[in-house]
Amino acid sequence: MPKDTGARDRPTPYVAVDRLPERVPDADIDGERIAPWIAPGYMESLNELAAAFDLPLRACAQLYGQVTLPANDRGWRFQPALGFIKRH
């Protein structure tokens, strides 16, 4: 039987926080009826999950906080409430 060559078999390139995609400023999405619905924030949720499973924060992030993005020659931008956006 052939070996499964899915995403689980590929090495995972973890990116340091200081190398994350460019963050879209909150002011760029500010509007009268625009508000994030995600509460609490990612880091607060990650800390709670790590505590619940008695994991170091880094290990918890590597298990539960991964995002895989397709290749984009121009890179990506990020906004916590909206997610990842291709840079044009």
Protein backbone atom coordinates (compact mmCIF):
# COMPACT_ATOMS: atom_id res chain seq x y z
CA MET A 1 0.00 0.00 0.00
CA PRO A 2 1.45 3.42 -0.93
CA LYS A 3 2.51 5.75 1.83
CA ASP A 4 0.16 8.65 2.61
CA THR A 5 1.92 11.78 1.36
CA GLY A 6 -0.54 14.25 2.84
CA ALA A 7 0.27 17.38 4.82
CA ARG A 8 1.05 15.33 7.94
CA ASP A 9 4.17 13.92 6.25
CA ARG A 10 5.66 17.27 5.30
CA PRO A 11 7.93 19.18 7.68
CA THR A 12 6.14 22.05 9.39
CA PRO A 13 7.93 25.39 9.01
CA TYR A 14 7.17 27.22 12.24
CA VAL A 15 7.51 30.97 11.89
CA ALA A 16 8.67 33.15 14.75
CA VAL A 17 6.27 35.88 15.88
CA ASP A 18 8.59 38.60 14.60
CA ARG A 19 8.41 37.03 11.11
CA LEU A 20 4.64 36.86 10.84
CA PRO A 21 3.02 38.42 7.78
CA GLU A 22 2.49 42.16 7.74
CA ARG A 23 -0.33 43.08 10.09
CA VAL A 24 -3.18 45.13 8.65
CA PRO A 25 -3.73 48.10 10.98
CA ASP A 26 -7.00 47.99 12.93
CA ALA A 27 -7.79 51.47 11.59
CA ASP A 28 -7.92 50.02 8.05
CA ILE A 29 -11.00 47.98 8.97
CA ASP A 30 -12.60 50.49 11.31
CA GLY A 31 -16.23 51.21 10.53
CA GLU A 32 -19.53 51.98 12.17
CA ARG A 33 -20.83 48.40 12.14
CA ILE A 34 -17.52 46.52 11.94
CA ALA A 35 -16.39 44.68 15.05
CA PRO A 36 -14.56 41.42 15.67
CA TRP A 37 -16.78 38.66 17.01
CA ILE A 38 -13.89 36.56 18.27
CA ALA A 39 -13.57 36.87 22.03
CA PRO A 40 -11.33 36.16 23.83
CA GLY A 41 -8.28 36.80 21.66
CA TYR A 42 -6.01 34.12 20.27
CA MET A 43 -3.27 34.40 22.89
CA GLU A 44 -5.74 34.29 25.77
CA SER A 45 -7.39 31.19 24.27
CA LEU A 46 -4.01 29.56 23.64
CA ASN A 47 -2.91 30.19 27.22
CA GLU A 48 -6.14 28.66 28.56
CA LEU A 49 -5.78 25.62 26.30
CA ALA A 50 -2.14 25.13 27.30
CA ALA A 51 -3.11 25.30 30.98
CA ALA A 52 -6.03 22.89 30.50
CA PHE A 53 -3.77 20.30 28.85
CA ASP A 54 -0.74 21.09 31.03
CA LEU A 55 1.37 21.91 27.96
CA PRO A 56 4.10 24.48 27.46
CA LEU A 57 2.72 27.38 25.43
CA ARG A 58 5.01 26.67 22.45
CA ALA A 59 4.00 23.00 22.30
CA CYS A 60 0.34 23.96 22.52
CA ALA A 61 0.73 26.48 19.69
CA GLN A 62 2.49 23.89 17.54
CA LEU A 63 -0.31 21.39 18.12
CA TYR A 64 -3.35 23.65 17.88
CA GLY A 65 -2.28 26.99 16.40
CA GLN A 66 -1.02 26.06 12.95
CA VAL A 67 -2.08 27.77 9.74
CA THR A 68 -1.07 26.57 6.29
CA LEU A 69 -1.19 29.13 3.50
CA PRO A 70 -0.68 28.50 -0.21
CA ALA A 71 2.37 29.99 -1.88
CA ASN A 72 2.03 33.64 -2.84
CA ASP A 73 4.98 35.44 -4.46
CA ARG A 74 3.95 38.75 -2.89
CA GLY A 75 3.39 37.35 0.57
CA TRP A 76 0.53 37.71 3.02
CA ARG A 77 -1.02 40.29 5.29
CA PHE A 78 -2.79 39.47 8.55
CA GLN A 79 -5.56 41.04 10.60
CA PRO A 80 -6.64 39.22 13.79
CA ALA A 81 -10.38 39.68 13.19
CA LEU A 82 -10.26 38.89 9.46
CA GLY A 83 -7.44 36.40 9.11
CA PHE A 84 -4.94 36.21 6.25
CA ILE A 85 -5.17 38.29 3.09
CA LYS A 86 -3.01 37.96 -0.02
CA ARG A 87 -0.74 40.94 -0.54
CA HIS A 88 -1.33 42.40 -4.01
